Amino acid sequence: MNILVILAHPRKGGFNHAIAQIVIRSLKQNGHTPVFHDLYDERFDPILPGAEIPRDVTLDHMIQQHCDEISSAEGIIIVHPNWWGQPPAILKGWIDRVMRPGIAYEFAEGDSGEGIPVGLLKAKVALVFNTANTSKRREQEVFGDPLEILWGNCIFGLCGITDFHRRTYSVVVTSTEEDRNSWLKDVEQTIGKLFPQ
């Protein structure tokens, strides 16, 4: 399978990068073809210019490449930290510029945009790996886990992917090497389950 993998964390050598490395390695071991983007390393421009909003506009070469890749992806994996209950701004900008009408969704004929989008992505599975410095219990009880709603309902669900999974590893800031090794093993097992040979 052709699997799009997006990493959004600025610190090289950090735990998000370790997750991405395990993801890539596991996908290759299972015979899949990962297409990998480290948004910070590539200096992805997250700013959506007004001229890029119309559906029929000619896109910048880099944005068109990302659109082509997500359109052809059979699976999508996103790796990012939980910052203020949201993805980093660079990843939100990637969503704004790449998950666009005609690529990720469209509206039914005659719908002026007030209705429910029709998903266009052909990926069968979407998986998000998050790191956090908030405990899972506090994330649920106090904040309502906004990332679950964002990715599952507001993005992948509306773009046609109903098989959505998310794994969160926390609390990273106080984690031990044993914790992190256990989490990386979970990453490997999750890839094996959702993207088997």
N, C-alpha and C. Protein backbone atom coordinates (compact mmCIF):
# COMPACT_ATOMS: atom_id res chain seq x y z
N MET A 1 0.82 -1.19 0.00
CA MET A 1 0.00 0.00 0.00
C MET A 1 0.86 1.25 0.00
N ASN A 2 0.34 2.29 -0.60
CA ASN A 2 0.97 3.60 -0.63
C ASN A 2 0.47 4.39 0.59
N ILE A 3 1.36 4.63 1.56
CA ILE A 3 0.96 5.25 2.83
C ILE A 3 1.62 6.62 2.98
N LEU A 4 0.82 7.66 3.14
CA LEU A 4 1.33 9.01 3.36
C LEU A 4 1.58 9.20 4.85
N VAL A 5 2.81 9.60 5.20
CA VAL A 5 3.19 9.82 6.60
C VAL A 5 3.63 11.28 6.76
N ILE A 6 2.96 11.99 7.67
CA ILE A 6 3.24 13.41 7.91
C ILE A 6 3.70 13.58 9.35
N LEU A 7 4.87 14.20 9.52
CA LEU A 7 5.43 14.49 10.84
C LEU A 7 5.44 16.00 11.05
N ALA A 8 4.97 16.43 12.23
CA ALA A 8 4.97 17.87 12.55
C ALA A 8 5.49 18.09 13.96
N HIS A 9 6.80 18.16 14.08
CA HIS A 9 7.43 18.53 15.35
C HIS A 9 8.79 19.14 15.04
N PRO A 10 9.10 20.30 15.64
CA PRO A 10 10.33 21.01 15.27
C PRO A 10 11.62 20.43 15.84
N ARG A 11 11.53 19.62 16.90
CA ARG A 11 12.76 19.18 17.56
C ARG A 11 13.23 17.82 17.03
N LYS A 12 14.30 17.87 16.27
CA LYS A 12 14.89 16.63 15.78
C LYS A 12 15.45 15.84 16.96
N GLY A 13 15.34 14.54 16.89
CA GLY A 13 15.84 13.71 17.97
C GLY A 13 14.85 13.55 19.10
N GLY A 14 13.69 14.21 19.00
CA GLY A 14 12.65 14.09 20.02
C GLY A 14 11.79 12.85 19.82
N PHE A 15 10.83 12.68 20.71
CA PHE A 15 10.03 11.46 20.69
C PHE A 15 9.12 11.38 19.46
N ASN A 16 8.61 12.49 18.96
CA ASN A 16 7.79 12.46 17.75
C ASN A 16 8.59 11.94 16.57
N HIS A 17 9.85 12.35 16.47
CA HIS A 17 10.70 11.84 15.40
C HIS A 17 10.97 10.35 15.57
N ALA A 18 11.13 9.91 16.82
CA ALA A 18 11.31 8.47 17.07
C ALA A 18 10.08 7.68 16.63
N ILE A 19 8.90 8.22 16.90
CA ILE A 19 7.66 7.57 16.45
C ILE A 19 7.66 7.46 14.93
N ALA A 20 7.98 8.56 14.25
CA ALA A 20 7.97 8.57 12.79
C ALA A 20 8.95 7.55 12.22
N GLN A 21 10.12 7.42 12.84
CA GLN A 21 11.11 6.45 12.37
C GLN A 21 10.59 5.03 12.49
N ILE A 22 9.92 4.72 13.60
CA ILE A 22 9.34 3.38 13.79
C ILE A 22 8.23 3.15 12.77
N VAL A 23 7.41 4.17 12.53
CA VAL A 23 6.33 4.07 11.55
C VAL A 23 6.90 3.70 10.17
N ILE A 24 7.90 4.46 9.73
CA ILE A 24 8.49 4.23 8.41
C ILE A 24 9.11 2.84 8.33
N ARG A 25 9.88 2.50 9.33
CA ARG A 25 10.53 1.18 9.34
C ARG A 25 9.50 0.05 9.32
N SER A 26 8.46 0.17 10.14
CA SER A 26 7.45 -0.88 10.23
C SER A 26 6.66 -1.02 8.93
N LEU A 27 6.33 0.11 8.31
CA LEU A 27 5.62 0.07 7.03
C LEU A 27 6.46 -0.64 5.97
N LYS A 28 7.74 -0.30 5.90
CA LYS A 28 8.62 -0.93 4.91
C LYS A 28 8.76 -2.42 5.17
N GLN A 29 8.90 -2.81 6.44
CA GLN A 29 9.02 -4.22 6.80
C GLN A 29 7.77 -5.00 6.39
N ASN A 30 6.63 -4.32 6.40
CA ASN A 30 5.37 -4.97 6.03
C ASN A 30 5.08 -4.88 4.54
N GLY A 31 6.03 -4.35 3.77
CA GLY A 31 5.90 -4.32 2.31
C GLY A 31 5.16 -3.13 1.75
N HIS A 32 4.94 -2.11 2.56
CA HIS A 32 4.24 -0.92 2.10
C HIS A 32 5.24 0.13 1.60
N THR A 33 4.71 1.11 0.88
CA THR A 33 5.54 2.19 0.35
C THR A 33 5.17 3.49 1.05
N PRO A 34 5.98 3.89 2.05
CA PRO A 34 5.68 5.16 2.72
C PRO A 34 6.16 6.36 1.91
N VAL A 35 5.32 7.40 1.89
CA VAL A 35 5.68 8.70 1.33
C VAL A 35 5.74 9.63 2.53
N PHE A 36 6.95 10.08 2.87
CA PHE A 36 7.18 10.76 4.15
C PHE A 36 7.48 12.24 3.97
N HIS A 37 6.84 13.06 4.82
CA HIS A 37 7.13 14.48 4.87
C HIS A 37 7.32 14.92 6.32
N ASP A 38 8.47 15.51 6.60
CA ASP A 38 8.73 16.19 7.86
C ASP A 38 8.49 17.67 7.57
N LEU A 39 7.34 18.18 7.99
CA LEU A 39 6.93 19.53 7.60
C LEU A 39 7.91 20.61 8.05
N TYR A 40 8.46 20.46 9.25
CA TYR A 40 9.43 21.47 9.72
C TYR A 40 10.73 21.38 8.93
N ASP A 41 11.21 20.17 8.72
CA ASP A 41 12.47 20.00 7.98
C ASP A 41 12.34 20.54 6.55
N GLU A 42 11.16 20.35 5.96
CA GLU A 42 10.92 20.83 4.59
C GLU A 42 10.52 22.29 4.53
N ARG A 43 10.36 22.91 5.69
CA ARG A 43 9.94 24.32 5.78
C ARG A 43 8.63 24.57 5.03
N PHE A 44 7.68 23.67 5.29
CA PHE A 44 6.36 23.81 4.68
C PHE A 44 5.75 25.16 5.08
N ASP A 45 5.26 25.92 4.11
CA ASP A 45 4.64 27.21 4.38
C ASP A 45 3.17 26.98 4.76
N PRO A 46 2.80 27.23 6.02
CA PRO A 46 1.44 26.95 6.45
C PRO A 46 0.41 28.04 6.11
N ILE A 47 0.87 29.13 5.55
CA ILE A 47 -0.05 30.27 5.31
C ILE A 47 -0.82 30.07 4.02
N LEU A 48 -2.14 30.01 4.15
CA LEU A 48 -3.03 29.87 3.00
C LEU A 48 -3.29 31.25 2.41
N PRO A 49 -2.72 31.56 1.23
CA PRO A 49 -2.98 32.86 0.62
C PRO A 49 -4.39 32.91 0.04
N GLY A 50 -4.98 34.08 0.05
CA GLY A 50 -6.34 34.23 -0.48
C GLY A 50 -6.46 33.77 -1.91
N ALA A 51 -5.43 33.98 -2.70
CA ALA A 51 -5.48 33.60 -4.11
C ALA A 51 -5.55 32.08 -4.30
N GLU A 52 -5.22 31.32 -3.25
CA GLU A 52 -5.20 29.86 -3.35
C GLU A 52 -6.55 29.23 -2.98
N ILE A 53 -7.47 30.03 -2.49
CA ILE A 53 -8.75 29.49 -2.03
C ILE A 53 -9.66 28.98 -3.16
N PRO A 54 -9.77 29.67 -4.30
CA PRO A 54 -10.67 29.16 -5.34
C PRO A 54 -10.30 27.73 -5.78
N ARG A 55 -11.31 26.96 -6.05
CA ARG A 55 -11.11 25.55 -6.38
C ARG A 55 -10.32 25.35 -7.68
N ASP A 56 -10.50 26.23 -8.65
CA ASP A 56 -9.90 26.03 -9.96
C ASP A 56 -8.55 26.73 -10.13
N VAL A 57 -7.94 27.19 -9.04
CA VAL A 57 -6.68 27.92 -9.12
C VAL A 57 -5.53 26.95 -9.44
N THR A 58 -4.50 27.47 -10.11
CA THR A 58 -3.28 26.70 -10.31
C THR A 58 -2.46 26.79 -9.03
N LEU A 59 -2.17 25.64 -8.45
CA LEU A 59 -1.48 25.60 -7.17
C LEU A 59 0.03 25.65 -7.32
N ASP A 60 0.69 26.17 -6.29
CA ASP A 60 2.13 26.10 -6.18
C ASP A 60 2.56 24.63 -6.34
N HIS A 61 3.72 24.40 -6.95
CA HIS A 61 4.18 23.04 -7.24
C HIS A 61 4.20 22.16 -5.98
N MET A 62 4.74 22.69 -4.87
CA MET A 62 4.83 21.91 -3.64
C MET A 62 3.44 21.53 -3.11
N ILE A 63 2.52 22.48 -3.14
CA ILE A 63 1.16 22.20 -2.65
C ILE A 63 0.49 21.18 -3.57
N GLN A 64 0.67 21.31 -4.87
CA GLN A 64 0.09 20.35 -5.80
C GLN A 64 0.65 18.95 -5.56
N GLN A 65 1.94 18.85 -5.24
CA GLN A 65 2.54 17.56 -4.94
C GLN A 65 1.87 16.93 -3.72
N HIS A 66 1.69 17.72 -2.66
CA HIS A 66 1.03 17.21 -1.45
C HIS A 66 -0.41 16.80 -1.76
N CYS A 67 -1.11 17.58 -2.57
CA CYS A 67 -2.49 17.24 -2.94
C CYS A 67 -2.53 15.93 -3.72
N ASP A 68 -1.60 15.76 -4.67
CA ASP A 68 -1.53 14.52 -5.45
C ASP A 68 -1.24 13.33 -4.54
N GLU A 69 -0.35 13.52 -3.59
CA GLU A 69 0.02 12.42 -2.69
C GLU A 69 -1.12 12.01 -1.78
N ILE A 70 -1.85 12.98 -1.25
CA ILE A 70 -2.96 12.60 -0.36
C ILE A 70 -4.11 12.00 -1.16
N SER A 71 -4.25 12.44 -2.41
CA SER A 71 -5.30 11.87 -3.27
C SER A 71 -5.03 10.40 -3.60
N SER A 72 -3.77 10.06 -3.76
CA SER A 72 -3.43 8.69 -4.15
C SER A 72 -3.13 7.78 -2.97
N ALA A 73 -3.03 8.35 -1.77
CA ALA A 73 -2.69 7.55 -0.59
C ALA A 73 -3.77 6.52 -0.27
N GLU A 74 -3.32 5.32 0.06
CA GLU A 74 -4.24 4.26 0.49
C GLU A 74 -4.34 4.20 2.01
N GLY A 75 -3.47 4.93 2.68
CA GLY A 75 -3.49 5.07 4.13
C GLY A 75 -2.80 6.37 4.48
N ILE A 76 -3.19 6.96 5.61
CA ILE A 76 -2.61 8.23 6.06
C ILE A 76 -2.22 8.09 7.53
N ILE A 77 -0.99 8.50 7.84
CA ILE A 77 -0.51 8.48 9.23
C ILE A 77 0.04 9.87 9.55
N ILE A 78 -0.43 10.45 10.65
CA ILE A 78 0.00 11.77 11.09
C ILE A 78 0.66 11.62 12.47
N VAL A 79 1.81 12.28 12.66
CA VAL A 79 2.50 12.26 13.95
C VAL A 79 2.69 13.70 14.41
N HIS A 80 2.16 14.04 15.59
CA HIS A 80 2.32 15.41 16.09
C HIS A 80 2.04 15.49 17.58
N PRO A 81 2.56 16.53 18.23
CA PRO A 81 2.26 16.76 19.64
C PRO A 81 0.91 17.43 19.82
N ASN A 82 0.38 17.31 21.01
CA ASN A 82 -0.82 18.04 21.40
C ASN A 82 -0.37 19.37 21.99
N TRP A 83 -0.60 20.43 21.24
CA TRP A 83 -0.26 21.77 21.72
C TRP A 83 -1.55 22.56 21.87
N TRP A 84 -1.92 22.85 23.11
CA TRP A 84 -3.15 23.61 23.39
C TRP A 84 -4.38 22.91 22.81
N GLY A 85 -4.37 21.58 22.83
CA GLY A 85 -5.51 20.83 22.30
C GLY A 85 -5.60 20.86 20.79
N GLN A 86 -4.51 21.23 20.12
CA GLN A 86 -4.50 21.37 18.67
C GLN A 86 -3.19 20.84 18.09
N PRO A 87 -3.15 20.63 16.77
CA PRO A 87 -1.87 20.34 16.13
C PRO A 87 -1.02 21.61 16.09
N PRO A 88 0.29 21.48 15.90
CA PRO A 88 1.11 22.67 15.66
C PRO A 88 0.60 23.46 14.46
N ALA A 89 0.86 24.75 14.44
CA ALA A 89 0.36 25.63 13.38
C ALA A 89 0.79 25.15 11.99
N ILE A 90 1.99 24.61 11.88
CA ILE A 90 2.47 24.17 10.57
C ILE A 90 1.59 23.04 10.02
N LEU A 91 1.09 22.18 10.92
CA LEU A 91 0.22 21.09 10.48
C LEU A 91 -1.18 21.60 10.18
N LYS A 92 -1.66 22.55 10.97
CA LYS A 92 -2.96 23.15 10.67
C LYS A 92 -2.92 23.82 9.31
N GLY A 93 -1.80 24.50 8.99
CA GLY A 93 -1.65 25.10 7.67
C GLY A 93 -1.60 24.07 6.57
N TRP A 94 -0.98 22.92 6.84
CA TRP A 94 -0.97 21.82 5.86
C TRP A 94 -2.40 21.36 5.58
N ILE A 95 -3.19 21.23 6.64
CA ILE A 95 -4.59 20.84 6.48
C ILE A 95 -5.32 21.88 5.62
N ASP A 96 -5.14 23.15 5.94
CA ASP A 96 -5.82 24.23 5.21
C ASP A 96 -5.47 24.22 3.72
N ARG A 97 -4.21 23.96 3.42
CA ARG A 97 -3.74 24.08 2.03
C ARG A 97 -3.89 22.80 1.22
N VAL A 98 -3.87 21.64 1.89
CA VAL A 98 -3.87 20.36 1.17
C VAL A 98 -5.23 19.66 1.21
N MET A 99 -5.94 19.73 2.32
CA MET A 99 -7.25 19.09 2.42
C MET A 99 -8.29 20.05 1.85
N ARG A 100 -8.20 20.27 0.58
CA ARG A 100 -8.97 21.32 -0.08
C ARG A 100 -10.11 20.74 -0.92
N PRO A 101 -11.09 21.60 -1.27
CA PRO A 101 -12.19 21.14 -2.13
C PRO A 101 -11.65 20.60 -3.45
N GLY A 102 -12.24 19.52 -3.89
CA GLY A 102 -11.81 18.89 -5.13
C GLY A 102 -10.70 17.89 -4.91
N ILE A 103 -10.04 17.96 -3.76
CA ILE A 103 -8.98 17.01 -3.41
C ILE A 103 -9.46 16.09 -2.29
N ALA A 104 -9.84 16.67 -1.16
CA ALA A 104 -10.24 15.88 0.00
C ALA A 104 -11.76 15.77 0.15
N TYR A 105 -12.48 16.72 -0.40
CA TYR A 105 -13.95 16.71 -0.29
C TYR A 105 -14.55 17.59 -1.37
N GLU A 106 -15.85 17.47 -1.52
CA GLU A 106 -16.62 18.36 -2.38
C GLU A 106 -18.02 18.46 -1.79
N PHE A 107 -18.79 19.40 -2.26
CA PHE A 107 -20.17 19.49 -1.83
C PHE A 107 -21.07 18.91 -2.91
N ALA A 108 -22.19 18.35 -2.50
CA ALA A 108 -23.13 17.75 -3.45
C ALA A 108 -23.59 18.80 -4.46
N GLU A 109 -23.91 18.34 -5.66
CA GLU A 109 -24.36 19.25 -6.72
C GLU A 109 -25.54 20.08 -6.22
N GLY A 110 -25.46 21.37 -6.43
CA GLY A 110 -26.52 22.27 -5.98
C GLY A 110 -26.31 22.80 -4.58
N ASP A 111 -25.36 22.24 -3.84
CA ASP A 111 -25.06 22.70 -2.49
C ASP A 111 -24.11 23.89 -2.59
N SER A 112 -24.45 24.97 -1.96
CA SER A 112 -23.61 26.18 -2.05
C SER A 112 -22.52 26.21 -0.99
N GLY A 113 -22.38 25.13 -0.24
CA GLY A 113 -21.33 25.08 0.77
C GLY A 113 -21.84 25.05 2.20
N GLU A 114 -23.16 25.09 2.37
CA GLU A 114 -23.70 25.04 3.73
C GLU A 114 -23.95 23.61 4.19
N GLY A 115 -23.91 22.67 3.27
CA GLY A 115 -24.26 21.28 3.58
C GLY A 115 -23.10 20.47 4.09
N ILE A 116 -23.30 19.16 4.06
CA ILE A 116 -22.26 18.24 4.53
C ILE A 116 -21.39 17.84 3.35
N PRO A 117 -20.07 17.96 3.51
CA PRO A 117 -19.18 17.59 2.41
C PRO A 117 -19.26 16.11 2.06
N VAL A 118 -18.94 15.81 0.82
CA VAL A 118 -18.81 14.44 0.36
C VAL A 118 -17.31 14.15 0.30
N GLY A 119 -16.85 13.15 1.04
CA GLY A 119 -15.43 12.84 1.11
C GLY A 119 -14.89 12.28 -0.18
N LEU A 120 -13.68 12.70 -0.55
CA LEU A 120 -13.06 12.23 -1.79
C LEU A 120 -11.81 11.40 -1.57
N LEU A 121 -11.26 11.38 -0.35
CA LEU A 121 -10.03 10.65 -0.13
C LEU A 121 -10.27 9.15 -0.28
N LYS A 122 -9.34 8.47 -0.94
CA LYS A 122 -9.51 7.04 -1.16
C LYS A 122 -8.83 6.19 -0.10
N ALA A 123 -8.08 6.82 0.80
CA ALA A 123 -7.42 6.07 1.87
C ALA A 123 -8.46 5.30 2.68
N LYS A 124 -8.11 4.08 2.99
CA LYS A 124 -9.02 3.22 3.77
C LYS A 124 -8.87 3.45 5.27
N VAL A 125 -7.64 3.79 5.70
CA VAL A 125 -7.34 3.92 7.12
C VAL A 125 -6.58 5.22 7.37
N ALA A 126 -6.94 5.90 8.46
CA ALA A 126 -6.18 7.06 8.92
C ALA A 126 -5.79 6.81 10.37
N LEU A 127 -4.54 7.13 10.68
CA LEU A 127 -3.99 6.89 12.01
C LEU A 127 -3.24 8.13 12.46
N VAL A 128 -3.52 8.58 13.68
CA VAL A 128 -2.82 9.73 14.24
C VAL A 128 -2.12 9.29 15.52
N PHE A 129 -0.82 9.60 15.60
CA PHE A 129 -0.05 9.40 16.82
C PHE A 129 0.19 10.76 17.45
N ASN A 130 -0.21 10.91 18.71
CA ASN A 130 -0.01 12.16 19.44
C ASN A 130 0.87 11.93 20.66
N THR A 131 1.64 12.96 21.00
CA THR A 131 2.31 13.00 22.29
C THR A 131 1.69 14.14 23.07
N ALA A 132 1.72 14.01 24.40
CA ALA A 132 1.08 15.03 25.23
C ALA A 132 1.77 15.12 26.58
N ASN A 133 1.62 16.26 27.22
CA ASN A 133 2.09 16.44 28.58
C ASN A 133 0.92 16.62 29.54
N THR A 134 -0.25 16.20 29.09
CA THR A 134 -1.45 16.17 29.90
C THR A 134 -1.86 14.70 30.03
N SER A 135 -2.24 14.28 31.20
CA SER A 135 -2.66 12.89 31.38
C SER A 135 -3.94 12.62 30.58
N LYS A 136 -4.13 11.38 30.20
CA LYS A 136 -5.33 11.02 29.42
C LYS A 136 -6.60 11.35 30.19
N ARG A 137 -6.60 11.09 31.49
CA ARG A 137 -7.79 11.37 32.30
C ARG A 137 -8.13 12.86 32.29
N ARG A 138 -7.12 13.71 32.51
CA ARG A 138 -7.36 15.15 32.51
C ARG A 138 -7.79 15.63 31.12
N GLU A 139 -7.16 15.08 30.07
CA GLU A 139 -7.53 15.46 28.70
C GLU A 139 -9.01 15.18 28.45
N GLN A 140 -9.49 14.04 28.92
CA GLN A 140 -10.89 13.68 28.72
C GLN A 140 -11.82 14.52 29.60
N GLU A 141 -11.53 14.56 30.88
CA GLU A 141 -12.45 15.17 31.84
C GLU A 141 -12.49 16.70 31.76
N VAL A 142 -11.35 17.32 31.53
CA VAL A 142 -11.30 18.78 31.55
C VAL A 142 -11.48 19.38 30.16
N PHE A 143 -10.84 18.77 29.16
CA PHE A 143 -10.82 19.38 27.83
C PHE A 143 -11.72 18.68 26.80
N GLY A 144 -12.14 17.45 27.09
CA GLY A 144 -13.02 16.73 26.16
C GLY A 144 -12.29 16.15 24.97
N ASP A 145 -10.96 16.05 25.05
CA ASP A 145 -10.13 15.46 24.00
C ASP A 145 -10.41 16.07 22.62
N PRO A 146 -10.11 17.36 22.44
CA PRO A 146 -10.41 18.04 21.18
C PRO A 146 -9.72 17.43 19.96
N LEU A 147 -8.55 16.81 20.13
CA LEU A 147 -7.88 16.23 18.97
C LEU A 147 -8.64 15.03 18.40
N GLU A 148 -9.29 14.27 19.26
CA GLU A 148 -10.11 13.15 18.78
C GLU A 148 -11.25 13.66 17.90
N ILE A 149 -11.89 14.73 18.35
CA ILE A 149 -12.99 15.32 17.59
C ILE A 149 -12.47 15.94 16.29
N LEU A 150 -11.37 16.69 16.39
CA LEU A 150 -10.80 17.35 15.21
C LEU A 150 -10.47 16.35 14.12
N TRP A 151 -9.64 15.35 14.44
CA TRP A 151 -9.20 14.40 13.42
C TRP A 151 -10.31 13.43 12.99
N GLY A 152 -11.02 12.89 13.96
CA GLY A 152 -12.02 11.88 13.63
C GLY A 152 -13.26 12.42 12.96
N ASN A 153 -13.79 13.52 13.48
CA ASN A 153 -15.06 14.06 12.97
C ASN A 153 -14.88 15.17 11.96
N CYS A 154 -14.02 16.13 12.29
CA CYS A 154 -13.93 17.34 11.47
C CYS A 154 -13.04 17.19 10.25
N ILE A 155 -12.11 16.27 10.26
CA ILE A 155 -11.21 16.13 9.11
C ILE A 155 -11.45 14.80 8.40
N PHE A 156 -10.98 13.71 8.97
CA PHE A 156 -11.06 12.44 8.24
C PHE A 156 -12.49 11.99 7.98
N GLY A 157 -13.36 12.15 8.96
CA GLY A 157 -14.75 11.74 8.76
C GLY A 157 -15.42 12.49 7.62
N LEU A 158 -15.15 13.78 7.50
CA LEU A 158 -15.75 14.58 6.44
C LEU A 158 -15.07 14.39 5.08
N CYS A 159 -13.88 13.81 5.12
CA CYS A 159 -13.14 13.60 3.86
C CYS A 159 -13.23 12.16 3.38
N GLY A 160 -14.12 11.38 3.99
CA GLY A 160 -14.42 10.05 3.47
C GLY A 160 -13.72 8.89 4.14
N ILE A 161 -12.94 9.14 5.19
CA ILE A 161 -12.24 8.04 5.87
C ILE A 161 -12.96 7.72 7.16
N THR A 162 -13.58 6.57 7.21
CA THR A 162 -14.34 6.19 8.40
C THR A 162 -13.55 5.28 9.34
N ASP A 163 -12.47 4.68 8.85
CA ASP A 163 -11.64 3.80 9.69
C ASP A 163 -10.51 4.65 10.26
N PHE A 164 -10.81 5.34 11.36
CA PHE A 164 -9.88 6.27 11.99
C PHE A 164 -9.42 5.73 13.33
N HIS A 165 -8.11 5.85 13.58
CA HIS A 165 -7.53 5.39 14.84
C HIS A 165 -6.58 6.46 15.36
N ARG A 166 -6.46 6.52 16.68
CA ARG A 166 -5.56 7.50 17.29
C ARG A 166 -4.93 6.91 18.54
N ARG A 167 -3.63 7.12 18.68
CA ARG A 167 -2.90 6.68 19.85
C ARG A 167 -2.22 7.90 20.46
N THR A 168 -2.35 8.05 21.77
CA THR A 168 -1.73 9.16 22.48
C THR A 168 -0.79 8.61 23.53
N TYR A 169 0.41 9.20 23.60
CA TYR A 169 1.40 8.80 24.59
C TYR A 169 1.67 9.98 25.52
N SER A 170 1.40 9.74 26.82
CA SER A 170 1.56 10.81 27.80
C SER A 170 1.81 10.19 29.18
N VAL A 171 2.43 10.89 30.05
CA VAL A 171 2.91 12.27 29.98
C VAL A 171 4.38 12.19 29.57
N VAL A 172 4.71 12.80 28.42
CA VAL A 172 6.05 12.65 27.85
C VAL A 172 7.11 13.33 28.72
N VAL A 173 6.81 14.51 29.24
CA VAL A 173 7.82 15.29 29.96
C VAL A 173 8.34 14.56 31.20
N THR A 174 7.54 13.71 31.82
CA THR A 174 7.98 12.96 33.00
C THR A 174 8.20 11.48 32.71
N SER A 175 8.18 11.11 31.44
CA SER A 175 8.29 9.70 31.07
C SER A 175 9.71 9.18 31.28
N THR A 176 9.79 7.89 31.53
CA THR A 176 11.08 7.22 31.67
C THR A 176 11.47 6.60 30.34
N GLU A 177 12.71 6.16 30.25
CA GLU A 177 13.15 5.45 29.05
C GLU A 177 12.31 4.19 28.84
N GLU A 178 11.96 3.55 29.93
CA GLU A 178 11.11 2.36 29.86
C GLU A 178 9.73 2.70 29.28
N ASP A 179 9.15 3.81 29.73
CA ASP A 179 7.87 4.26 29.19
C ASP A 179 7.97 4.47 27.68
N ARG A 180 8.99 5.22 27.27
CA ARG A 180 9.13 5.55 25.85
C ARG A 180 9.39 4.32 24.99
N ASN A 181 10.18 3.39 25.50
CA ASN A 181 10.40 2.13 24.76
C ASN A 181 9.10 1.34 24.63
N SER A 182 8.30 1.35 25.68
CA SER A 182 7.00 0.66 25.64
C SER A 182 6.07 1.32 24.63
N TRP A 183 6.08 2.65 24.59
CA TRP A 183 5.24 3.38 23.62
C TRP A 183 5.69 3.10 22.19
N LEU A 184 7.00 3.06 21.97
CA LEU A 184 7.50 2.77 20.61
C LEU A 184 7.13 1.35 20.19
N LYS A 185 7.12 0.44 21.14
CA LYS A 185 6.67 -0.94 20.84
C LYS A 185 5.19 -0.91 20.45
N ASP A 186 4.41 -0.07 21.12
CA ASP A 186 3.00 0.07 20.80
C ASP A 186 2.82 0.64 19.40
N VAL A 187 3.67 1.60 19.01
CA VAL A 187 3.62 2.16 17.66
C VAL A 187 3.83 1.03 16.65
N GLU A 188 4.85 0.22 16.87
CA GLU A 188 5.16 -0.89 15.96
C GLU A 188 3.99 -1.87 15.86
N GLN A 189 3.40 -2.21 17.00
CA GLN A 189 2.28 -3.14 17.02
C GLN A 189 1.04 -2.55 16.35
N THR A 190 0.81 -1.26 16.54
CA THR A 190 -0.33 -0.59 15.92
C THR A 190 -0.19 -0.59 14.40
N ILE A 191 1.02 -0.31 13.92
CA ILE A 191 1.26 -0.36 12.48
C ILE A 191 1.03 -1.77 11.96
N GLY A 192 1.52 -2.76 12.69
CA GLY A 192 1.34 -4.15 12.28
C GLY A 192 -0.13 -4.56 12.21
N LYS A 193 -0.92 -4.03 13.10
CA LYS A 193 -2.35 -4.36 13.12
C LYS A 193 -3.12 -3.66 12.01
N LEU A 194 -2.84 -2.37 11.81
CA LEU A 194 -3.62 -1.58 10.85
C LEU A 194 -3.06 -1.65 9.42
N PHE A 195 -1.77 -1.91 9.31
CA PHE A 195 -1.12 -1.99 7.99
C PHE A 195 -0.28 -3.27 7.92
N PRO A 196 -0.95 -4.42 7.96
CA PRO A 196 -0.21 -5.70 7.98
C PRO A 196 0.43 -5.99 6.62
N GLN A 197 1.23 -7.04 6.60
CA GLN A 197 1.87 -7.46 5.34
C GLN A 197 0.83 -7.89 4.33
